[in-house]
């Protein structure tokens, strides 16, 4: 979980509370302000999710590349050892 996900969730919850308080008190400005804060939180959380997915994919690609590099080195070593035997 990254900071955008955390901050986004906090804004979302704070916005829900503010919007609900506005509904209970009949304050339309508080309702709108809360709804906007809630939407901002959802967007920030979604951005955090995108960043997290990108990081996971980059890590996965790095692992794949390292695995391919290891396989290539092993294959090269096998070829060299066969040449020495011949």
Protein backbone atom coordinates (compact mmCIF):
# COMPACT_ATOMS: atom_id res chain seq x y z
CA UNK A 1 0.00 0.00 0.00
CA UNK A 2 1.43 3.39 -0.95
CA UNK A 3 0.85 6.89 0.43
CA UNK A 4 -1.68 7.83 -2.27
CA UNK A 5 -3.82 4.84 -1.37
CA UNK A 6 -3.71 5.72 2.33
CA UNK A 7 -4.33 9.44 1.87
CA UNK A 8 -7.08 8.73 -0.64
CA UNK A 9 -8.86 6.35 1.72
CA UNK A 10 -8.63 8.89 4.56
CA UNK A 11 -10.10 11.65 2.36
CA UNK A 12 -12.83 9.29 1.18
CA UNK A 13 -13.86 8.41 4.73
CA UNK A 14 -13.62 12.04 5.92
CA UNK A 15 -15.77 13.10 2.97
CA UNK A 16 -18.37 10.44 3.76
CA UNK A 17 -18.54 11.62 7.36
CA UNK A 18 -18.84 15.28 6.32
CA UNK A 19 -21.49 14.49 3.71
CA UNK A 20 -23.47 12.42 6.19
CA UNK A 21 -23.24 15.15 8.83
CA UNK A 22 -24.55 17.60 6.25
CA UNK A 23 -27.48 15.30 5.53
CA UNK A 24 -28.30 14.93 9.23
CA UNK A 25 -28.12 18.67 9.88
CA UNK A 26 -29.76 19.71 6.62
CA UNK A 27 -26.66 21.66 5.55
CA UNK A 28 -26.40 21.38 1.74
CA UNK A 29 -22.98 23.11 1.64
CA UNK A 30 -21.53 20.49 3.99
CA UNK A 31 -23.12 17.75 1.89
CA UNK A 32 -21.52 19.09 -1.29
CA UNK A 33 -18.18 19.72 0.39
CA UNK A 34 -18.20 16.20 1.79
CA UNK A 35 -19.15 14.69 -1.56
CA UNK A 36 -16.30 16.57 -3.27
CA UNK A 37 -13.80 15.46 -0.62
CA UNK A 38 -15.08 11.90 -1.00
CA UNK A 39 -14.64 12.03 -4.79
CA UNK A 40 -11.14 13.49 -4.41
CA UNK A 41 -10.27 10.65 -2.06
CA UNK A 42 -11.56 8.04 -4.49
CA UNK A 43 -9.49 9.54 -7.31
CA UNK A 44 -6.34 9.67 -5.17
CA UNK A 45 -6.91 6.09 -4.03
CA UNK A 46 -7.40 4.98 -7.64
CA UNK A 47 -4.16 6.75 -8.62
CA UNK A 48 -2.42 4.91 -5.81
CA UNK A 49 -3.82 1.63 -7.14
CA UNK A 50 -2.44 2.42 -10.61
CA UNK A 51 0.99 3.23 -9.17
CA UNK A 52 0.96 0.04 -7.10
CA UNK A 53 0.00 -2.06 -10.13
CA UNK A 54 2.78 -0.43 -12.17
CA UNK A 55 5.32 -1.15 -9.45
CA UNK A 56 4.21 -4.78 -9.21
CA UNK A 57 4.45 -5.19 -12.98
CA UNK A 58 7.90 -3.59 -13.05
CA UNK A 59 9.04 -5.96 -10.30
CA UNK A 60 7.56 -8.91 -12.20
CA UNK A 61 9.32 -7.88 -15.40
CA UNK A 62 12.60 -7.48 -13.52
CA UNK A 63 12.24 -11.00 -12.11
CA UNK A 64 11.46 -12.40 -15.57
CA UNK A 65 14.46 -10.62 -17.08
CA UNK A 66 16.73 -11.92 -14.33
CA UNK A 67 15.41 -15.43 -14.89
CA UNK A 68 16.05 -15.17 -18.64
CA UNK A 69 19.55 -13.80 -17.98
CA UNK A 70 20.27 -16.72 -15.63
CA UNK A 71 19.01 -19.21 -18.21
CA UNK A 72 21.19 -17.62 -20.91
CA UNK A 73 24.27 -17.76 -18.67
CA UNK A 74 23.61 -21.41 -17.90
CA UNK A 75 23.19 -22.18 -21.59
CA UNK A 76 26.43 -20.36 -22.41
CA UNK A 77 28.27 -22.27 -19.69
CA UNK A 78 26.92 -25.55 -21.05
CA UNK A 79 28.11 -24.68 -24.54
CA UNK A 80 31.57 -23.73 -23.23
CA UNK A 81 31.88 -26.92 -21.21
CA UNK A 82 30.88 -29.05 -24.22
CA UNK A 83 33.49 -27.29 -26.36
CA UNK A 84 36.17 -28.04 -23.79
CA UNK A 85 35.21 -31.74 -23.77
CA UNK A 86 35.27 -32.02 -27.58
